[in-house]
N, C-alpha and C. Protein backbone atom coordinates (compact mmCIF):
# COMPACT_ATOMS: atom_id res chain seq x y z
N UNK A 1 151.64 330.95 166.48
CA UNK A 1 152.17 331.45 165.07
C UNK A 1 150.90 332.05 164.45
N UNK A 2 151.01 333.25 163.81
CA UNK A 2 149.99 333.92 163.11
C UNK A 2 149.62 333.20 161.88
N UNK A 3 148.24 333.18 161.57
CA UNK A 3 147.67 332.67 160.59
C UNK A 3 148.10 333.34 159.24
N UNK A 4 148.41 332.79 158.10
CA UNK A 4 148.74 333.52 157.06
C UNK A 4 147.68 333.80 156.34
N UNK A 5 147.61 335.10 155.72
CA UNK A 5 146.39 335.65 155.06
C UNK A 5 146.77 335.69 153.63
N UNK A 6 145.98 335.19 152.63
CA UNK A 6 146.05 335.08 151.28
C UNK A 6 144.96 335.72 150.55
N UNK A 7 145.41 336.54 149.42
CA UNK A 7 144.39 337.06 148.60
C UNK A 7 144.68 336.30 147.14
N UNK A 8 143.60 335.72 146.71
CA UNK A 8 143.59 335.04 145.35
C UNK A 8 142.74 335.89 144.30
N UNK A 9 143.46 336.28 143.20
CA UNK A 9 142.81 337.09 142.03
C UNK A 9 142.78 336.22 140.80
N UNK A 10 141.72 336.19 140.38
CA UNK A 10 141.41 335.15 139.22
C UNK A 10 140.20 335.86 138.51
N UNK A 11 139.81 334.97 137.46
CA UNK A 11 138.83 335.32 136.59
C UNK A 11 137.53 334.24 136.55
N UNK A 12 137.85 333.09 137.10
CA UNK A 12 136.92 332.10 137.20
C UNK A 12 136.31 331.96 138.50
N UNK A 13 135.22 332.39 138.54
CA UNK A 13 134.43 332.35 140.05
C UNK A 13 134.52 331.00 140.58
N UNK A 14 133.99 329.98 139.89
CA UNK A 14 134.01 328.58 140.33
C UNK A 14 135.15 328.08 140.76
N UNK A 15 136.18 328.34 140.01
CA UNK A 15 137.55 327.73 140.51
C UNK A 15 138.06 328.56 141.96
N UNK A 16 137.85 329.86 141.77
CA UNK A 16 138.18 330.74 142.89
C UNK A 16 137.43 330.21 144.20
N UNK A 17 136.15 330.08 144.09
CA UNK A 17 135.42 329.73 145.28
C UNK A 17 135.90 328.30 145.80
N UNK A 18 136.20 327.52 145.06
CA UNK A 18 136.75 326.01 145.36
C UNK A 18 138.03 326.28 146.00
N UNK A 19 138.99 327.10 145.54
CA UNK A 19 140.19 327.28 146.15
C UNK A 19 140.34 327.95 147.53
N UNK A 20 139.25 329.02 147.62
CA UNK A 20 139.16 329.80 148.87
C UNK A 20 138.66 328.76 149.93
N UNK A 21 137.75 327.80 149.63
CA UNK A 21 137.22 326.95 150.52
C UNK A 21 138.26 326.01 151.04
N UNK A 22 139.09 325.49 150.15
CA UNK A 22 139.94 324.47 150.33
C UNK A 22 141.25 325.02 151.05
N UNK A 23 141.73 326.26 150.89
CA UNK A 23 142.69 326.86 151.54
C UNK A 23 142.35 327.29 152.89
N UNK A 24 141.21 327.62 152.96
CA UNK A 24 140.52 328.04 154.29
C UNK A 24 140.54 326.57 155.30
N UNK A 25 140.10 325.61 154.66
CA UNK A 25 140.19 324.33 155.26
C UNK A 25 141.50 323.97 155.65
N UNK A 26 142.49 324.43 154.89
CA UNK A 26 143.88 324.05 155.33
C UNK A 26 144.48 324.99 156.26
N UNK A 27 143.93 326.03 156.80
CA UNK A 27 144.18 326.67 157.97
C UNK A 27 144.72 328.15 157.65
N UNK A 28 144.64 328.54 156.30
CA UNK A 28 144.76 329.93 156.08
C UNK A 28 143.58 330.62 156.03
N UNK A 29 143.87 332.08 156.21
CA UNK A 29 142.74 333.16 156.11
C UNK A 29 142.84 333.59 154.71
N UNK A 30 141.63 333.43 153.87
CA UNK A 30 141.89 333.70 152.34
C UNK A 30 140.65 334.45 152.03
N UNK A 31 140.87 335.30 151.07
CA UNK A 31 140.10 336.26 150.53
C UNK A 31 140.18 335.97 148.94
N UNK A 32 139.10 335.96 147.95
CA UNK A 32 139.41 335.84 146.67
C UNK A 32 138.37 336.90 145.92
N UNK A 33 138.87 337.31 144.85
CA UNK A 33 138.10 338.10 144.01
C UNK A 33 138.36 337.94 142.55
N UNK A 34 137.30 338.07 141.70
CA UNK A 34 137.13 338.05 140.20
C UNK A 34 137.31 339.32 139.51
N UNK A 35 137.07 340.49 140.51
CA UNK A 35 137.01 341.96 140.03
C UNK A 35 138.53 342.50 140.03
N UNK A 36 139.24 342.00 139.06
CA UNK A 36 140.64 342.33 139.13
C UNK A 36 140.76 343.91 138.98
N UNK A 37 139.91 344.64 138.29
CA UNK A 37 140.20 345.97 138.12
C UNK A 37 140.03 346.78 139.43
N UNK A 38 139.23 346.10 140.46
CA UNK A 38 138.96 346.77 141.65
C UNK A 38 140.03 346.47 142.81
N UNK A 39 141.03 345.68 142.57
CA UNK A 39 141.86 345.15 143.46
C UNK A 39 142.69 346.43 143.91
N UNK A 40 143.02 347.41 143.15
CA UNK A 40 143.78 348.48 143.65
C UNK A 40 142.93 349.42 144.80
N UNK A 41 141.74 349.34 144.59
CA UNK A 41 140.88 350.19 145.44
C UNK A 41 140.46 349.47 146.61
N UNK A 42 140.14 348.30 146.54
CA UNK A 42 139.50 347.47 147.52
C UNK A 42 140.33 346.57 148.49
N UNK A 43 141.73 346.43 148.31
CA UNK A 43 142.49 345.57 149.18
C UNK A 43 143.76 346.35 149.53
N UNK A 44 144.01 346.28 150.94
CA UNK A 44 145.17 346.93 151.48
C UNK A 44 146.34 345.89 151.40
N UNK A 45 147.46 346.17 150.68
CA UNK A 45 148.63 345.11 150.79
C UNK A 45 149.12 344.88 152.09
N UNK A 46 149.34 345.62 153.01
CA UNK A 46 149.80 345.36 154.29
C UNK A 46 149.01 344.24 155.07
N UNK A 47 147.77 343.95 154.63
CA UNK A 47 146.93 342.87 155.31
C UNK A 47 147.40 341.51 154.88
N UNK A 48 148.07 341.36 153.79
CA UNK A 48 148.26 340.09 153.21
C UNK A 48 149.71 339.53 153.29
N UNK A 49 149.85 338.33 153.42
CA UNK A 49 151.18 337.66 153.38
C UNK A 49 151.55 337.17 151.94
N UNK A 50 150.50 336.83 151.11
CA UNK A 50 150.73 336.45 149.89
C UNK A 50 149.41 336.57 148.93
N UNK A 51 149.76 336.91 147.70
CA UNK A 51 148.76 337.23 146.67
C UNK A 51 149.14 336.26 145.50
N UNK A 52 148.07 335.41 145.20
CA UNK A 52 148.11 334.62 144.05
C UNK A 52 147.33 335.07 142.80
N UNK A 53 147.76 334.98 141.71
CA UNK A 53 147.23 335.54 140.60
C UNK A 53 147.03 334.21 139.59
N UNK A 54 145.68 334.09 139.18
CA UNK A 54 145.33 333.15 138.22
C UNK A 54 145.80 333.53 136.87
N UNK A 55 145.59 332.52 135.96
CA UNK A 55 146.10 332.65 134.43
C UNK A 55 145.21 333.60 133.63
N UNK A 56 144.00 333.68 134.18
CA UNK A 56 143.07 334.67 133.42
C UNK A 56 143.35 336.12 133.71
N UNK A 57 144.11 336.57 134.58
CA UNK A 57 144.31 337.88 135.04
C UNK A 57 144.96 338.72 134.03
N UNK A 58 145.96 338.12 133.20
CA UNK A 58 146.42 338.89 132.12
C UNK A 58 147.76 339.67 132.52
N UNK A 59 148.66 339.47 131.56
CA UNK A 59 149.94 339.95 131.99
C UNK A 59 149.98 341.45 132.26
N UNK A 60 149.42 342.33 131.62
CA UNK A 60 149.29 343.74 131.97
C UNK A 60 148.72 344.13 133.31
N UNK A 61 147.63 343.59 133.67
CA UNK A 61 146.88 343.70 134.94
C UNK A 61 147.86 343.03 136.04
N UNK A 62 148.45 341.94 135.75
CA UNK A 62 149.29 341.08 136.74
C UNK A 62 150.25 342.02 136.97
N UNK A 63 151.16 342.61 136.17
CA UNK A 63 152.28 343.47 136.27
C UNK A 63 151.94 344.61 137.20
N UNK A 64 150.75 345.23 136.91
CA UNK A 64 150.23 346.50 137.67
C UNK A 64 150.06 346.22 139.05
N UNK A 65 149.36 345.04 139.19
CA UNK A 65 148.96 344.61 140.77
C UNK A 65 150.23 344.14 141.39
N UNK A 66 151.28 343.58 140.87
CA UNK A 66 152.36 343.10 141.41
C UNK A 66 153.15 344.35 141.91
N UNK A 67 153.31 345.29 141.02
CA UNK A 67 153.96 346.67 141.26
C UNK A 67 153.39 347.22 142.56
N UNK A 68 151.95 347.30 142.62
CA UNK A 68 151.32 347.87 143.68
C UNK A 68 151.42 347.29 144.91
N UNK A 69 151.36 345.97 144.91
CA UNK A 69 151.68 345.11 146.26
C UNK A 69 152.97 345.25 146.68
N UNK A 70 153.97 345.12 145.73
CA UNK A 70 155.45 345.23 146.17
C UNK A 70 155.77 346.52 146.67
N UNK A 71 155.17 347.63 146.14
CA UNK A 71 155.58 348.95 146.58
C UNK A 71 154.96 349.19 148.00
N UNK A 72 153.87 348.54 148.27
CA UNK A 72 153.25 348.87 149.56
C UNK A 72 153.42 347.82 150.52
N UNK A 73 154.08 346.74 150.35
CA UNK A 73 154.36 345.67 151.24
C UNK A 73 155.38 344.88 150.77
N UNK A 74 156.77 345.33 150.77
CA UNK A 74 157.90 344.67 150.27
C UNK A 74 157.99 343.18 150.63
N UNK A 75 157.58 342.85 151.89
CA UNK A 75 157.68 341.51 152.15
C UNK A 75 156.72 340.57 151.58
N UNK A 76 155.65 340.90 150.83
CA UNK A 76 154.64 340.06 150.40
C UNK A 76 155.13 339.13 149.46
N UNK A 77 154.55 338.00 149.42
CA UNK A 77 154.80 336.86 148.42
C UNK A 77 153.87 336.90 147.20
N UNK A 78 154.22 337.09 146.01
CA UNK A 78 153.51 337.19 144.88
C UNK A 78 153.71 335.88 144.03
N UNK A 79 152.56 335.21 143.66
CA UNK A 79 152.54 333.94 142.93
C UNK A 79 151.71 333.96 141.62
N UNK A 80 152.30 333.34 140.53
CA UNK A 80 151.58 333.27 139.28
C UNK A 80 151.16 331.70 139.37
N UNK A 81 149.90 331.60 139.40
CA UNK A 81 149.30 330.20 139.39
C UNK A 81 148.68 329.79 137.94
N UNK A 82 149.28 328.80 137.37
CA UNK A 82 148.87 328.76 135.83
C UNK A 82 147.73 327.83 135.74
N UNK A 83 147.32 327.31 136.90
CA UNK A 83 146.23 326.22 136.77
C UNK A 83 145.63 326.33 138.01
N UNK A 84 144.03 326.20 138.07
CA UNK A 84 143.34 326.13 139.28
C UNK A 84 143.21 324.75 140.00
N UNK A 85 144.39 323.93 140.04
CA UNK A 85 144.39 322.78 140.50
C UNK A 85 144.93 322.97 142.03
N UNK A 86 144.08 322.52 142.93
CA UNK A 86 144.27 322.54 144.24
C UNK A 86 145.72 322.22 144.71
N UNK A 87 145.98 321.17 144.39
CA UNK A 87 147.19 320.52 144.93
C UNK A 87 148.52 321.23 144.65
N UNK A 88 148.18 321.73 143.28
CA UNK A 88 149.50 322.49 142.60
C UNK A 88 149.59 323.86 143.33
N UNK A 89 148.49 324.48 143.63
CA UNK A 89 148.62 325.55 144.32
C UNK A 89 148.86 325.50 145.85
N UNK A 90 148.49 324.36 146.46
CA UNK A 90 148.93 324.18 147.59
C UNK A 90 150.49 324.05 147.80
N UNK A 91 151.10 323.29 146.73
CA UNK A 91 152.51 323.05 146.59
C UNK A 91 153.24 324.46 146.57
N UNK A 92 152.57 325.25 145.57
CA UNK A 92 153.33 326.64 145.40
C UNK A 92 153.25 327.47 146.55
N UNK A 93 152.06 327.33 147.31
CA UNK A 93 152.04 328.32 148.58
C UNK A 93 152.88 327.75 149.75
N UNK A 94 152.83 326.47 149.65
CA UNK A 94 153.81 325.83 150.80
C UNK A 94 155.43 326.25 150.58
N UNK A 95 155.80 326.04 149.23
CA UNK A 95 157.11 326.33 148.76
C UNK A 95 157.24 327.76 149.00
N UNK A 96 156.44 328.57 148.70
CA UNK A 96 156.58 330.14 148.70
C UNK A 96 157.03 330.42 150.14
N UNK A 97 156.01 329.98 151.26
CA UNK A 97 156.33 330.21 152.58
C UNK A 97 157.55 329.50 153.04
N UNK A 98 157.72 328.32 153.02
CA UNK A 98 158.95 327.46 153.38
C UNK A 98 160.12 328.12 153.03
N UNK A 99 160.23 328.71 151.84
CA UNK A 99 161.57 329.10 151.08
C UNK A 99 161.51 330.65 150.86
N UNK A 100 160.82 331.39 151.73
CA UNK A 100 160.62 332.99 151.52
C UNK A 100 161.99 333.48 151.62
N UNK A 101 162.96 333.15 152.33
CA UNK A 101 164.14 333.74 152.80
C UNK A 101 165.28 333.00 151.89
N UNK A 102 164.96 331.94 151.28
CA UNK A 102 165.94 331.21 150.47
C UNK A 102 165.64 331.20 149.12
N UNK A 103 166.51 331.86 148.29
CA UNK A 103 166.19 331.86 146.87
C UNK A 103 167.12 331.08 146.10
N UNK A 104 167.54 329.86 146.63
CA UNK A 104 168.41 328.90 145.90
C UNK A 104 167.70 328.38 144.72
N UNK A 105 168.31 328.29 143.45
CA UNK A 105 167.91 327.68 142.33
C UNK A 105 168.63 326.46 142.01
N UNK A 106 167.92 325.29 141.69
CA UNK A 106 168.51 324.01 141.57
C UNK A 106 168.36 323.70 140.02
N UNK A 107 167.39 323.94 139.37
CA UNK A 107 167.24 323.86 137.94
C UNK A 107 167.99 324.91 137.17
N UNK A 108 168.96 324.31 136.28
CA UNK A 108 169.81 325.16 135.49
C UNK A 108 169.20 325.50 134.09
N UNK A 109 168.75 324.38 133.48
CA UNK A 109 168.10 324.31 132.23
C UNK A 109 166.78 323.61 132.02
N UNK A 110 165.89 323.91 131.03
CA UNK A 110 164.71 323.00 130.89
C UNK A 110 164.33 323.04 129.51
N UNK A 111 164.10 321.84 128.98
CA UNK A 111 163.60 321.73 127.61
C UNK A 111 162.66 320.58 127.57
N UNK A 112 161.79 320.57 126.38
CA UNK A 112 161.01 319.54 125.90
C UNK A 112 160.83 319.30 124.61
N UNK A 113 160.56 318.05 124.05
CA UNK A 113 160.34 317.78 122.74
C UNK A 113 159.18 316.91 122.56
N UNK A 114 158.39 317.17 121.51
CA UNK A 114 157.16 316.20 121.30
C UNK A 114 157.33 315.59 120.10
N UNK A 115 157.50 314.23 120.19
CA UNK A 115 157.50 313.16 119.12
C UNK A 115 156.40 312.15 119.16
N UNK A 116 156.67 310.99 119.45
CA UNK A 116 155.65 310.03 119.90
C UNK A 116 155.06 310.37 121.40
N UNK A 117 155.83 310.89 122.13
CA UNK A 117 155.58 311.25 123.49
C UNK A 117 156.03 312.61 123.79
N UNK A 118 156.21 313.00 124.97
CA UNK A 118 156.83 314.25 125.35
C UNK A 118 158.24 313.90 126.18
N UNK A 119 159.15 314.21 125.60
CA UNK A 119 160.44 313.96 126.32
C UNK A 119 161.07 315.19 126.98
N UNK A 120 161.15 315.07 128.10
CA UNK A 120 161.68 316.55 129.17
C UNK A 120 163.10 316.10 129.37
N UNK A 121 163.99 317.37 129.32
CA UNK A 121 165.22 317.44 129.56
C UNK A 121 165.39 318.48 130.59
N UNK A 122 166.18 318.26 131.84
CA UNK A 122 166.56 319.37 132.59
C UNK A 122 167.85 319.08 133.16
N UNK A 123 168.53 320.31 133.75
CA UNK A 123 170.06 320.03 134.16
C UNK A 123 169.78 320.58 135.61
N UNK A 124 170.36 319.92 136.52
CA UNK A 124 170.60 320.25 138.00
C UNK A 124 171.82 320.94 138.34
N UNK A 125 171.92 321.95 139.15
CA UNK A 125 173.06 322.56 139.36
C UNK A 125 173.89 321.70 140.37
N UNK A 126 173.15 321.00 141.42
CA UNK A 126 173.53 320.23 142.26
C UNK A 126 172.63 319.16 142.70
N UNK A 127 173.06 318.26 143.48
CA UNK A 127 172.30 316.99 143.83
C UNK A 127 171.14 317.66 144.63
N UNK A 128 170.12 316.79 144.97
CA UNK A 128 168.78 317.35 145.45
C UNK A 128 167.79 316.14 145.55
N UNK A 129 166.96 316.26 146.42
CA UNK A 129 165.71 315.58 146.26
C UNK A 129 164.74 316.32 145.28
N UNK A 130 164.04 315.35 144.51
CA UNK A 130 163.20 315.92 143.48
C UNK A 130 161.88 315.32 143.19
N UNK A 131 160.85 315.92 142.81
CA UNK A 131 159.62 315.39 142.56
C UNK A 131 159.16 316.06 141.37
N UNK A 132 158.78 315.23 140.38
CA UNK A 132 158.21 315.71 139.01
C UNK A 132 156.75 315.25 138.95
N UNK A 133 155.92 316.19 138.82
CA UNK A 133 154.30 315.90 138.70
C UNK A 133 154.07 316.71 137.38
N UNK A 134 153.10 315.84 136.55
CA UNK A 134 152.49 316.46 135.32
C UNK A 134 150.83 316.87 135.71
N UNK A 135 150.66 318.22 135.62
CA UNK A 135 149.17 318.46 135.87
C UNK A 135 148.53 318.87 134.69
N UNK A 136 147.29 318.58 134.72
CA UNK A 136 146.49 318.74 133.50
C UNK A 136 145.20 319.30 133.92
N UNK A 137 144.59 320.35 133.28
CA UNK A 137 143.28 320.97 133.69
C UNK A 137 142.67 321.27 132.39
N UNK A 138 141.19 320.67 132.37
CA UNK A 138 140.41 320.91 131.09
C UNK A 138 139.33 322.01 131.49
N UNK A 139 139.53 323.13 130.66
CA UNK A 139 139.01 324.25 131.05
C UNK A 139 137.29 324.18 130.72
N UNK A 140 136.98 323.15 129.75
CA UNK A 140 135.65 322.97 129.48
C UNK A 140 134.88 322.30 130.55
N UNK A 141 135.26 321.22 131.27
CA UNK A 141 134.55 320.62 132.17
C UNK A 141 135.13 320.61 133.68
N UNK A 142 136.31 321.29 133.90
CA UNK A 142 136.83 321.63 135.18
C UNK A 142 137.75 320.25 135.66
N UNK A 143 137.72 319.36 134.84
CA UNK A 143 138.52 318.01 135.15
C UNK A 143 140.00 318.33 135.36
N UNK A 144 140.57 317.73 136.49
CA UNK A 144 141.95 317.87 136.58
C UNK A 144 142.61 316.60 136.87
N UNK A 145 143.82 316.41 136.30
CA UNK A 145 144.63 315.11 136.30
C UNK A 145 145.98 315.28 136.68
N UNK A 146 146.54 314.59 137.63
CA UNK A 146 147.79 314.58 138.17
C UNK A 146 148.68 313.45 137.98
N UNK A 147 149.84 313.39 137.36
CA UNK A 147 150.54 312.14 137.22
C UNK A 147 151.88 312.35 137.90
N UNK A 148 152.20 311.45 138.79
CA UNK A 148 153.31 311.47 139.44
C UNK A 148 154.48 310.87 138.52
N UNK A 149 155.42 311.76 137.99
CA UNK A 149 156.40 311.12 137.10
C UNK A 149 157.80 310.49 138.00
N UNK A 150 158.11 311.30 139.00
CA UNK A 150 159.25 310.81 139.65
C UNK A 150 159.44 311.53 141.05
N UNK A 151 159.90 310.76 141.98
CA UNK A 151 160.02 311.18 143.25
C UNK A 151 161.32 310.44 143.69
N UNK A 152 162.28 311.19 144.09
CA UNK A 152 163.85 310.67 144.45
C UNK A 152 164.78 311.57 144.56
N UNK A 153 166.02 311.04 144.66
CA UNK A 153 167.14 311.89 144.71
C UNK A 153 167.96 311.75 143.46
N UNK A 154 168.29 312.98 142.90
CA UNK A 154 169.01 312.92 141.75
C UNK A 154 170.54 313.68 141.93
N UNK A 155 171.45 313.22 141.29
CA UNK A 155 172.78 313.91 141.15
C UNK A 155 172.64 315.13 140.17
N UNK A 156 173.68 315.92 140.43
CA UNK A 156 173.72 317.10 139.60
C UNK A 156 173.94 316.69 138.01
N UNK A 157 173.56 317.49 137.07
CA UNK A 157 173.84 317.29 135.68
C UNK A 157 172.52 317.12 135.09
N UNK A 158 172.46 316.54 133.74
CA UNK A 158 171.30 316.48 132.74
C UNK A 158 170.57 315.21 133.21
N UNK A 159 169.15 315.31 133.00
CA UNK A 159 168.33 314.33 133.19
C UNK A 159 167.28 314.28 132.13
N UNK A 160 166.71 313.02 131.65
CA UNK A 160 165.75 312.85 130.73
C UNK A 160 164.71 312.08 131.13
N UNK A 161 163.42 312.54 131.00
CA UNK A 161 162.23 311.80 131.44
C UNK A 161 161.22 311.84 130.24
N UNK A 162 160.25 310.93 130.21
CA UNK A 162 159.09 310.83 129.19
C UNK A 162 157.80 311.08 130.05
N UNK A 163 157.01 311.94 129.53
CA UNK A 163 155.64 312.16 130.05
C UNK A 163 154.61 311.25 129.32
N UNK A 164 153.60 310.81 130.00
CA UNK A 164 152.55 310.01 129.39
C UNK A 164 151.91 310.89 128.09
N UNK A 165 151.80 310.08 126.93
CA UNK A 165 151.33 310.68 125.76
C UNK A 165 149.63 310.52 125.79
N UNK A 166 148.99 309.56 126.44
CA UNK A 166 147.71 309.30 126.54
C UNK A 166 147.14 310.22 127.51
N UNK A 167 145.70 310.63 127.09
CA UNK A 167 144.93 311.50 128.05
C UNK A 167 145.49 312.79 128.05
N UNK A 168 146.11 313.28 126.92
CA UNK A 168 146.46 314.77 126.83
C UNK A 168 145.21 315.66 126.93
N UNK A 169 145.17 316.74 127.65
CA UNK A 169 144.24 317.63 127.78
C UNK A 169 144.37 318.61 126.62
N UNK A 170 143.32 318.47 125.56
CA UNK A 170 143.33 319.44 124.43
C UNK A 170 142.69 320.85 124.78
N UNK A 171 141.68 320.86 125.61
CA UNK A 171 140.88 322.03 125.82
C UNK A 171 141.32 322.48 127.11
N UNK A 172 142.65 322.77 127.38
CA UNK A 172 142.99 323.18 128.70
C UNK A 172 144.40 323.59 128.76
N UNK A 173 145.14 323.33 129.94
CA UNK A 173 146.54 323.55 130.04
C UNK A 173 147.08 322.28 130.55
N UNK A 174 148.47 322.23 130.41
CA UNK A 174 149.31 321.17 130.74
C UNK A 174 150.43 321.56 131.35
N UNK A 175 150.92 321.49 132.52
CA UNK A 175 152.15 322.12 133.36
C UNK A 175 152.75 320.89 133.91
N UNK A 176 154.06 320.98 133.81
CA UNK A 176 154.95 320.18 134.55
C UNK A 176 155.54 321.01 135.81
N UNK A 177 155.25 320.43 137.05
CA UNK A 177 155.93 320.86 138.21
C UNK A 177 156.96 320.19 138.68
N UNK A 178 158.23 320.86 138.81
CA UNK A 178 159.36 320.11 139.36
C UNK A 178 159.74 320.76 140.42
N UNK A 179 159.77 319.85 141.60
CA UNK A 179 160.20 320.43 142.96
C UNK A 179 161.63 319.84 143.18
N UNK A 180 162.65 320.86 143.22
CA UNK A 180 163.93 320.45 143.34
C UNK A 180 164.65 321.20 144.55
N UNK A 181 164.90 320.56 145.52
CA UNK A 181 165.39 321.29 146.70
C UNK A 181 164.28 322.18 147.26
N UNK A 182 164.88 323.33 147.38
CA UNK A 182 164.01 324.43 147.84
C UNK A 182 163.26 325.33 146.83
N UNK A 183 163.32 324.70 145.48
CA UNK A 183 162.80 325.35 144.35
C UNK A 183 161.62 324.52 143.83
N UNK A 184 160.51 325.15 143.49
CA UNK A 184 159.37 324.72 142.70
C UNK A 184 159.32 325.57 141.43
N UNK A 185 159.56 324.72 140.43
CA UNK A 185 159.50 325.39 139.08
C UNK A 185 158.32 324.84 138.37
N UNK A 186 157.52 325.60 137.54
CA UNK A 186 156.41 325.32 136.77
C UNK A 186 156.72 325.51 135.31
N UNK A 187 156.58 324.68 134.43
CA UNK A 187 156.81 324.66 132.96
C UNK A 187 155.63 324.22 132.08
N UNK A 188 154.96 325.39 131.52
CA UNK A 188 153.79 324.99 130.65
C UNK A 188 154.42 323.99 129.50
N UNK A 189 153.66 322.93 129.11
CA UNK A 189 153.73 322.11 128.02
C UNK A 189 152.72 322.44 127.02
N UNK A 190 153.29 322.85 125.83
CA UNK A 190 152.16 323.03 124.70
C UNK A 190 152.17 321.85 123.80
N UNK A 191 151.22 321.28 123.64
CA UNK A 191 151.28 320.20 122.62
C UNK A 191 151.00 320.87 121.27
N UNK A 192 151.79 320.08 120.28
CA UNK A 192 151.72 320.37 118.92
C UNK A 192 150.65 319.49 118.24
N UNK A 193 149.63 320.08 117.72
CA UNK A 193 148.42 319.35 117.02
C UNK A 193 149.04 319.02 115.55
N UNK A 194 149.08 317.51 115.39
CA UNK A 194 149.45 317.20 114.16
C UNK A 194 148.28 317.14 113.23
N UNK A 195 148.52 317.68 111.94
CA UNK A 195 147.65 317.61 110.69
C UNK A 195 147.62 316.39 110.19
C-alpha cells in the first residue's frame, strides 16, 4: 500500500516541526510549512493525499488554499486542525482516511452551557460507539492536556455530560472531540470569564 503524503500548513514553527516528526514516525510522508503565502507557488496539489491547516492560518487564506487544492486534486482530504495536539491530529487524520468515502453523520445537535462546570448536550441520530475527549492547549508554554470523558456505546437521542471545571486553560484553546461511529466532530469550548 502506498504511503500517504501529508502537507501541514501552520504558523507556529515549533508545533509544526513536532507534528512533522511525530507523523513521520507514524509512517506518513510529511511536509510542513509556515510560509502560508507561498503554498500556492511551492506545492503541487496532486502530490498530496491530505492537507491539514492549523488554527493560525486565518480563514481567508485557508479558504483560498482549500479552493486551490480542491480544484487541482478533487480527491484530496482537507482538515482544519484547531489545536497542535498530536493525539488529536492523529485522530483527525485516521478518521479522514478511514472514512474518506463514508460521509455518514451521527451527531445531530451539540450545545454547551457554563455554570459551575461545563455541561455538554448532544443528540445522536442513531446508536453507535462513541468516545469523548476534552483537549486543552496552552499557547504560552505549549502544554497540552487530554481528559477522557466517555468511551462506550450510546443509543440514539439526547445525552448530557459534564466536563472537568478544574485546570481550565485560560491562555489557549479548549476543544471537545466527539468520535461517533465514523464521524469525528470537534467543538471549541469558550470559557466565560466571570467578573
